[in-house]
């Protein structure tokens, strides 16, 4: 038995070595094949491309594109009406006075009243409308502003006539003309500004383009 111990030990060592060499190798992580990785890469690229190519949120158009809020239109429209009234109204009142003195009876007086009541608004607002049309072509409606201007002028004119104002008096005439220039032109400008047609904005069509990119790793 003492002689067999070295032999048994040698055989045990040999068997242990063989068992270690024949053990199954541990599993290692290998990179995915190109056929498996390509769909995932294409999906990621398509998602990022759609995100970047998506159109921005449509914000509300500026106020001057919708109609109200154009400072240049308001200033020009009101200035044209005010200065036009200062020039046109005294001339029409002078013409009406001349018509009233041309004959006898109620005819000339009625003609003079009609001229003083209806001619100044037509001429004054035509000037305003022409200036506004030059700034915003095709957007300034004529009738809303004109009707407001006509009603305002009639109120001032009838009030002056009923109140006994003398249109030949410089003080009376100046007060009537300035009141019509400021109040009438201001209300007409506000009406024209609030009733202007909005500017047409063409929305460009957006096209979504997806470019696939294939990345292959070896």
C-alpha atoms as a PDB file:
ATOM      1  CA  UNK A   1       0.000   0.000   0.000  1.00  0.00           C
ATOM      2  CA  UNK A   2       2.770   2.442   0.688  1.00  0.00           C
ATOM      3  CA  UNK A   3       4.078   1.782  -2.771  1.00  0.00           C
ATOM      4  CA  UNK A   4       0.705   2.403  -4.386  1.00  0.00           C
ATOM      5  CA  UNK A   5       0.101   5.879  -2.886  1.00  0.00           C
ATOM      6  CA  UNK A   6       2.340   7.700  -5.343  1.00  0.00           C
ATOM      7  CA  UNK A   7       0.658   5.854  -8.211  1.00  0.00           C
ATOM      8  CA  UNK A   8      -2.861   6.745  -7.005  1.00  0.00           C
ATOM      9  CA  UNK A   9      -1.822  10.406  -6.524  1.00  0.00           C
ATOM     10  CA  UNK A  10      -0.399  10.584 -10.023  1.00  0.00           C
ATOM     11  CA  UNK A  11      -3.544   9.110 -11.561  1.00  0.00           C
ATOM     12  CA  UNK A  12      -5.757  11.561  -9.621  1.00  0.00           C
ATOM     13  CA  UNK A  13      -3.727  14.545 -10.820  1.00  0.00           C
ATOM     14  CA  UNK A  14      -3.906  13.330 -14.409  1.00  0.00           C
ATOM     15  CA  UNK A  15      -7.662  12.908 -14.263  1.00  0.00           C
ATOM     16  CA  UNK A  16      -8.111  16.425 -12.751  1.00  0.00           C
ATOM     17  CA  UNK A  17      -6.058  17.994 -15.530  1.00  0.00           C
ATOM     18  CA  UNK A  18      -8.100  16.251 -18.200  1.00  0.00           C
ATOM     19  CA  UNK A  19     -11.349  17.334 -16.559  1.00  0.00           C
ATOM     20  CA  UNK A  20     -10.174  20.993 -16.532  1.00  0.00           C
ATOM     21  CA  UNK A  21      -9.208  20.895 -20.232  1.00  0.00           C
ATOM     22  CA  UNK A  22     -12.508  19.307 -21.242  1.00  0.00           C
ATOM     23  CA  UNK A  23     -14.699  21.828 -19.338  1.00  0.00           C
ATOM     24  CA  UNK A  24     -17.177  23.782 -21.524  1.00  0.00           C
ATOM     25  CA  UNK A  25     -15.984  27.313 -22.384  1.00  0.00           C
ATOM     26  CA  UNK A  26     -17.941  30.238 -20.948  1.00  0.00           C
ATOM     27  CA  UNK A  27     -20.332  32.056 -23.270  1.00  0.00           C
ATOM     28  CA  UNK A  28     -18.959  35.317 -24.660  1.00  0.00           C
ATOM     29  CA  UNK A  29     -20.994  38.303 -25.932  1.00  0.00           C
ATOM     30  CA  UNK A  30     -20.549  38.649 -29.684  1.00  0.00           C
ATOM     31  CA  UNK A  31     -21.602  41.724 -31.643  1.00  0.00           C
ATOM     32  CA  UNK A  32     -24.905  41.395 -33.407  1.00  0.00           C
ATOM     33  CA  UNK A  33     -24.795  40.538 -37.047  1.00  0.00           C
ATOM     34  CA  UNK A  34     -25.433  43.340 -39.630  1.00  0.00           C
ATOM     35  CA  UNK A  35     -28.740  41.715 -40.620  1.00  0.00           C
ATOM     36  CA  UNK A  36     -30.027  42.060 -37.037  1.00  0.00           C
ATOM     37  CA  UNK A  37     -28.569  45.519 -36.324  1.00  0.00           C
ATOM     38  CA  UNK A  38     -29.739  47.161 -39.578  1.00  0.00           C
ATOM     39  CA  UNK A  39     -33.518  47.278 -38.810  1.00  0.00           C
ATOM     40  CA  UNK A  40     -32.916  48.794 -35.387  1.00  0.00           C
ATOM     41  CA  UNK A  41     -30.606  51.443 -36.863  1.00  0.00           C
ATOM     42  CA  UNK A  42     -33.088  52.247 -39.642  1.00  0.00           C
ATOM     43  CA  UNK A  43     -35.905  52.639 -37.099  1.00  0.00           C
ATOM     44  CA  UNK A  44     -33.815  55.015 -35.007  1.00  0.00           C
ATOM     45  CA  UNK A  45     -32.811  57.114 -38.023  1.00  0.00           C
ATOM     46  CA  UNK A  46     -36.411  57.315 -39.292  1.00  0.00           C
ATOM     47  CA  UNK A  47     -37.664  58.424 -35.874  1.00  0.00           C
ATOM     48  CA  UNK A  48     -35.043  61.144 -35.541  1.00  0.00           C
ATOM     49  CA  UNK A  49     -35.644  62.319 -39.122  1.00  0.00           C
ATOM     50  CA  UNK A  50     -39.395  62.595 -38.552  1.00  0.00           C
ATOM     51  CA  UNK A  51     -38.783  64.526 -35.375  1.00  0.00           C
ATOM     52  CA  UNK A  52     -36.444  66.985 -37.079  1.00  0.00           C
ATOM     53  CA  UNK A  53     -38.563  67.276 -40.236  1.00  0.00           C
ATOM     54  CA  UNK A  54     -41.821  67.839 -38.371  1.00  0.00           C
ATOM     55  CA  UNK A  55     -43.196  71.341 -39.140  1.00  0.00           C
ATOM     56  CA  UNK A  56     -43.155  73.828 -36.292  1.00  0.00           C
ATOM     57  CA  UNK A  57     -46.347  74.578 -34.465  1.00  0.00           C
ATOM     58  CA  UNK A  58     -48.543  77.012 -36.341  1.00  0.00           C
ATOM     59  CA  UNK A  59     -48.621  80.200 -34.368  1.00  0.00           C
ATOM     60  CA  UNK A  60     -51.227  82.872 -34.670  1.00  0.00           C
ATOM     61  CA  UNK A  61     -50.606  85.406 -37.417  1.00  0.00           C
ATOM     62  CA  UNK A  62     -49.464  88.859 -36.426  1.00  0.00           C
ATOM     63  CA  UNK A  63     -52.212  91.371 -35.749  1.00  0.00           C
ATOM     64  CA  UNK A  64     -51.282  93.441 -38.787  1.00  0.00           C
ATOM     65  CA  UNK A  65     -51.735  90.334 -40.974  1.00  0.00           C
ATOM     66  CA  UNK A  66     -55.208  89.684 -39.559  1.00  0.00           C
ATOM     67  CA  UNK A  67     -56.365  93.292 -39.938  1.00  0.00           C
ATOM     68  CA  UNK A  68     -56.334  95.487 -36.827  1.00  0.00           C
ATOM     69  CA  UNK A  69     -53.092  96.727 -35.367  1.00  0.00           C
ATOM     70  CA  UNK A  70     -51.223  98.252 -38.333  1.00  0.00           C
ATOM     71  CA  UNK A  71     -49.713 101.458 -36.949  1.00  0.00           C
ATOM     72  CA  UNK A  72     -48.673 102.830 -40.343  1.00  0.00           C
ATOM     73  CA  UNK A  73     -52.194 102.382 -41.681  1.00  0.00           C
ATOM     74  CA  UNK A  74     -53.793 104.113 -38.690  1.00  0.00           C
ATOM     75  CA  UNK A  75     -51.433 107.102 -38.690  1.00  0.00           C
ATOM     76  CA  UNK A  76     -51.604 107.657 -42.449  1.00  0.00           C
ATOM     77  CA  UNK A  77     -55.354 107.129 -42.659  1.00  0.00           C
ATOM     78  CA  UNK A  78     -56.124 109.522 -39.806  1.00  0.00           C
ATOM     79  CA  UNK A  79     -53.607 112.173 -40.955  1.00  0.00           C
ATOM     80  CA  UNK A  80     -55.048 112.164 -44.462  1.00  0.00           C
ATOM     81  CA  UNK A  81     -58.561 112.566 -43.100  1.00  0.00           C
ATOM     82  CA  UNK A  82     -57.658 115.343 -40.657  1.00  0.00           C
ATOM     83  CA  UNK A  83     -55.617 117.453 -43.081  1.00  0.00           C
ATOM     84  CA  UNK A  84     -58.069 116.793 -45.893  1.00  0.00           C
ATOM     85  CA  UNK A  85     -60.928 118.044 -43.719  1.00  0.00           C
ATOM     86  CA  UNK A  86     -59.041 121.241 -42.860  1.00  0.00           C
ATOM     87  CA  UNK A  87     -58.641 121.965 -46.572  1.00  0.00           C
ATOM     88  CA  UNK A  88     -61.829 120.527 -48.087  1.00  0.00           C
ATOM     89  CA  UNK A  89     -64.510 121.444 -45.544  1.00  0.00           C
ATOM     90  CA  UNK A  90     -63.959 125.240 -45.611  1.00  0.00           C
ATOM     91  CA  UNK A  91     -64.027 125.124 -49.415  1.00  0.00           C
ATOM     92  CA  UNK A  92     -67.318 123.206 -49.462  1.00  0.00           C
ATOM     93  CA  UNK A  93     -68.873 125.532 -46.876  1.00  0.00           C
ATOM     94  CA  UNK A  94     -67.838 128.495 -48.995  1.00  0.00           C
ATOM     95  CA  UNK A  95     -69.410 126.849 -52.035  1.00  0.00           C
ATOM     96  CA  UNK A  96     -72.606 126.114 -50.088  1.00  0.00           C
ATOM     97  CA  UNK A  97     -72.806 129.737 -48.958  1.00  0.00           C
ATOM     98  CA  UNK A  98     -72.470 130.933 -52.546  1.00  0.00           C
ATOM     99  CA  UNK A  99     -75.230 128.555 -53.649  1.00  0.00           C
ATOM    100  CA  UNK A 100     -77.486 129.851 -50.885  1.00  0.00           C
ATOM    101  CA  UNK A 101     -77.073 133.408 -52.135  1.00  0.00           C
ATOM    102  CA  UNK A 102     -77.809 132.710 -55.784  1.00  0.00           C
ATOM    103  CA  UNK A 103     -81.594 133.089 -55.700  1.00  0.00           C
ATOM    104  CA  UNK A 104     -84.728 133.564 -53.676  1.00  0.00           C
ATOM    105  CA  UNK A 105     -86.938 131.127 -51.857  1.00  0.00           C
ATOM    106  CA  UNK A 106     -86.176 127.801 -50.226  1.00  0.00           C
ATOM    107  CA  UNK A 107     -84.403 126.222 -53.203  1.00  0.00           C
ATOM    108  CA  UNK A 108     -80.984 127.819 -52.733  1.00  0.00           C
ATOM    109  CA  UNK A 109     -81.156 127.376 -48.966  1.00  0.00           C
ATOM    110  CA  UNK A 110     -82.013 123.674 -49.251  1.00  0.00           C
ATOM    111  CA  UNK A 111     -79.268 123.209 -51.845  1.00  0.00           C
ATOM    112  CA  UNK A 112     -76.753 124.895 -49.575  1.00  0.00           C
ATOM    113  CA  UNK A 113     -77.766 122.672 -46.654  1.00  0.00           C
ATOM    114  CA  UNK A 114     -77.470 119.517 -48.755  1.00  0.00           C
ATOM    115  CA  UNK A 115     -74.047 120.513 -50.000  1.00  0.00           C
ATOM    116  CA  UNK A 116     -72.815 121.290 -46.495  1.00  0.00           C
ATOM    117  CA  UNK A 117     -74.285 118.080 -45.093  1.00  0.00           C
ATOM    118  CA  UNK A 118     -73.192 115.502 -47.686  1.00  0.00           C
ATOM    119  CA  UNK A 119     -70.355 116.842 -49.836  1.00  0.00           C
ATOM    120  CA  UNK A 120     -67.582 117.157 -47.184  1.00  0.00           C
ATOM    121  CA  UNK A 121     -67.777 113.528 -45.969  1.00  0.00           C
ATOM    122  CA  UNK A 122     -67.674 112.172 -49.510  1.00  0.00           C
ATOM    123  CA  UNK A 123     -64.575 114.163 -50.413  1.00  0.00           C
ATOM    124  CA  UNK A 124     -62.856 113.784 -47.049  1.00  0.00           C
ATOM    125  CA  UNK A 125     -63.284 110.058 -46.736  1.00  0.00           C
ATOM    126  CA  UNK A 126     -62.359 109.468 -50.378  1.00  0.00           C
ATOM    127  CA  UNK A 127     -58.967 110.975 -49.540  1.00  0.00           C
ATOM    128  CA  UNK A 128     -58.664 108.770 -46.452  1.00  0.00           C
ATOM    129  CA  UNK A 129     -59.639 105.657 -48.371  1.00  0.00           C
ATOM    130  CA  UNK A 130     -57.177 106.392 -51.181  1.00  0.00           C
ATOM    131  CA  UNK A 131     -54.289 106.771 -48.721  1.00  0.00           C
ATOM    132  CA  UNK A 132     -55.268 103.618 -46.837  1.00  0.00           C
ATOM    133  CA  UNK A 133     -55.571 101.695 -50.097  1.00  0.00           C
ATOM    134  CA  UNK A 134     -52.051 102.762 -51.019  1.00  0.00           C
ATOM    135  CA  UNK A 135     -50.686 101.296 -47.770  1.00  0.00           C
ATOM    136  CA  UNK A 136     -52.860  98.163 -47.651  1.00  0.00           C
ATOM    137  CA  UNK A 137     -54.042  97.483 -51.228  1.00  0.00           C
ATOM    138  CA  UNK A 138     -57.395  95.782 -51.465  1.00  0.00           C
ATOM    139  CA  UNK A 139     -57.873  95.522 -47.713  1.00  0.00           C
ATOM    140  CA  UNK A 140     -59.574  98.797 -46.765  1.00  0.00           C
ATOM    141  CA  UNK A 141     -63.338  98.560 -47.206  1.00  0.00           C
ATOM    142  CA  UNK A 142     -64.891 101.830 -48.337  1.00  0.00           C
ATOM    143  CA  UNK A 143     -68.446 101.730 -46.989  1.00  0.00           C
ATOM    144  CA  UNK A 144     -67.987 101.077 -43.240  1.00  0.00           C
ATOM    145  CA  UNK A 145     -65.635 103.991 -42.729  1.00  0.00           C
ATOM    146  CA  UNK A 146     -67.596 106.264 -45.049  1.00  0.00           C
ATOM    147  CA  UNK A 147     -70.893 105.639 -43.269  1.00  0.00           C
ATOM    148  CA  UNK A 148     -69.326 106.397 -39.894  1.00  0.00           C
ATOM    149  CA  UNK A 149     -67.769 109.548 -41.317  1.00  0.00           C
ATOM    150  CA  UNK A 150     -71.078 110.625 -42.829  1.00  0.00           C
ATOM    151  CA  UNK A 151     -73.065 110.083 -39.638  1.00  0.00           C
ATOM    152  CA  UNK A 152     -70.456 111.906 -37.545  1.00  0.00           C
ATOM    153  CA  UNK A 153     -70.404 114.856 -39.930  1.00  0.00           C
ATOM    154  CA  UNK A 154     -74.184 115.042 -39.970  1.00  0.00           C
ATOM    155  CA  UNK A 155     -74.266 115.167 -36.196  1.00  0.00           C
ATOM    156  CA  UNK A 156     -71.734 118.005 -36.079  1.00  0.00           C
ATOM    157  CA  UNK A 157     -73.284 119.910 -38.980  1.00  0.00           C
ATOM    158  CA  UNK A 158     -76.888 119.637 -37.795  1.00  0.00           C
ATOM    159  CA  UNK A 159     -75.843 120.551 -34.267  1.00  0.00           C
ATOM    160  CA  UNK A 160     -74.049 123.641 -35.577  1.00  0.00           C
ATOM    161  CA  UNK A 161     -77.006 124.715 -37.731  1.00  0.00           C
ATOM    162  CA  UNK A 162     -79.564 124.140 -34.998  1.00  0.00           C
ATOM    163  CA  UNK A 163     -77.310 125.882 -32.485  1.00  0.00           C
ATOM    164  CA  UNK A 164     -77.198 128.980 -34.665  1.00  0.00           C
ATOM    165  CA  UNK A 165     -73.536 128.773 -35.700  1.00  0.00           C
ATOM    166  CA  UNK A 166     -72.440 131.251 -38.351  1.00  0.00           C
ATOM    167  CA  UNK A 167     -70.240 129.544 -40.955  1.00  0.00           C
ATOM    168  CA  UNK A 168     -68.968 132.963 -42.051  1.00  0.00           C
ATOM    169  CA  UNK A 169     -67.628 133.568 -38.559  1.00  0.00           C
ATOM    170  CA  UNK A 170     -64.002 132.498 -38.369  1.00  0.00           C
ATOM    171  CA  UNK A 171     -64.290 131.217 -34.798  1.00  0.00           C
ATOM    172  CA  UNK A 172     -67.436 129.207 -35.438  1.00  0.00           C
ATOM    173  CA  UNK A 173     -66.146 127.785 -38.699  1.00  0.00           C
ATOM    174  CA  UNK A 174     -62.797 126.822 -37.131  1.00  0.00           C
ATOM    175  CA  UNK A 175     -64.487 124.969 -34.275  1.00  0.00           C
ATOM    176  CA  UNK A 176     -66.761 123.076 -36.671  1.00  0.00           C
ATOM    177  CA  UNK A 177     -63.952 122.126 -39.051  1.00  0.00           C
ATOM    178  CA  UNK A 178     -61.540 121.026 -36.288  1.00  0.00           C
ATOM    179  CA  UNK A 179     -64.233 118.995 -34.562  1.00  0.00           C
ATOM    180  CA  UNK A 180     -65.060 117.240 -37.803  1.00  0.00           C
ATOM    181  CA  UNK A 181     -61.362 116.733 -38.590  1.00  0.00           C
ATOM    182  CA  UNK A 182     -60.527 115.111 -35.247  1.00  0.00           C
ATOM    183  CA  UNK A 183     -63.723 113.293 -34.297  1.00  0.00           C
ATOM    184  CA  UNK A 184     -64.941 112.364 -37.765  1.00  0.00           C
ATOM    185  CA  UNK A 185     -61.549 111.299 -39.090  1.00  0.00           C
ATOM    186  CA  UNK A 186     -60.706 109.412 -35.893  1.00  0.00           C
ATOM    187  CA  UNK A 187     -63.930 107.388 -35.844  1.00  0.00           C
ATOM    188  CA  UNK A 188     -63.660 106.663 -39.565  1.00  0.00           C
ATOM    189  CA  UNK A 189     -60.074 105.460 -39.149  1.00  0.00           C
ATOM    190  CA  UNK A 190     -61.005 103.198 -36.256  1.00  0.00           C
ATOM    191  CA  UNK A 191     -63.853 101.706 -38.284  1.00  0.00           C
ATOM    192  CA  UNK A 192     -61.669 101.185 -41.345  1.00  0.00           C
ATOM    193  CA  UNK A 193     -58.948  99.605 -39.212  1.00  0.00           C
ATOM    194  CA  UNK A 194     -61.294  97.154 -37.520  1.00  0.00           C
ATOM    195  CA  UNK A 195     -63.014  96.136 -40.763  1.00  0.00           C
ATOM    196  CA  UNK A 196     -59.951  95.675 -42.963  1.00  0.00           C
ATOM    197  CA  UNK A 197     -59.619  92.394 -44.811  1.00  0.00           C
ATOM    198  CA  UNK A 198     -56.949  90.108 -43.366  1.00  0.00           C
ATOM    199  CA  UNK A 199     -53.838  89.533 -45.400  1.00  0.00           C
ATOM    200  CA  UNK A 200     -53.874  86.181 -47.184  1.00  0.00           C
ATOM    201  CA  UNK A 201     -51.009  83.989 -46.023  1.00  0.00           C
ATOM    202  CA  UNK A 202     -50.211  80.925 -48.139  1.00  0.00           C
ATOM    203  CA  UNK A 203     -49.118  78.006 -46.068  1.00  0.00           C
ATOM    204  CA  UNK A 204     -46.332  76.116 -47.782  1.00  0.00           C
ATOM    205  CA  UNK A 205     -46.837  72.364 -47.961  1.00  0.00           C
ATOM    206  CA  UNK A 206     -44.392  70.405 -45.849  1.00  0.00           C
ATOM    207  CA  UNK A 207     -42.792  67.235 -47.215  1.00  0.00           C
ATOM    208  CA  UNK A 208     -41.381  64.587 -44.951  1.00  0.00           C
ATOM    209  CA  UNK A 209     -38.227  62.924 -46.277  1.00  0.00           C
ATOM    210  CA  UNK A 210     -36.742  59.896 -44.561  1.00  0.00           C
ATOM    211  CA  UNK A 211     -33.181  58.991 -45.545  1.00  0.00           C
ATOM    212  CA  UNK A 212     -32.177  55.512 -44.371  1.00  0.00           C
ATOM    213  CA  UNK A 213     -28.642  55.084 -43.146  1.00  0.00           C
ATOM    214  CA  UNK A 214     -27.127  51.617 -42.839  1.00  0.00           C
ATOM    215  CA  UNK A 215     -24.312  51.119 -40.447  1.00  0.00           C
ATOM    216  CA  UNK A 216     -22.492  47.783 -40.571  1.00  0.00           C
ATOM    217  CA  UNK A 217     -20.020  46.744 -37.957  1.00  0.00           C
ATOM    218  CA  UNK A 218     -17.500  44.001 -38.505  1.00  0.00           C
END
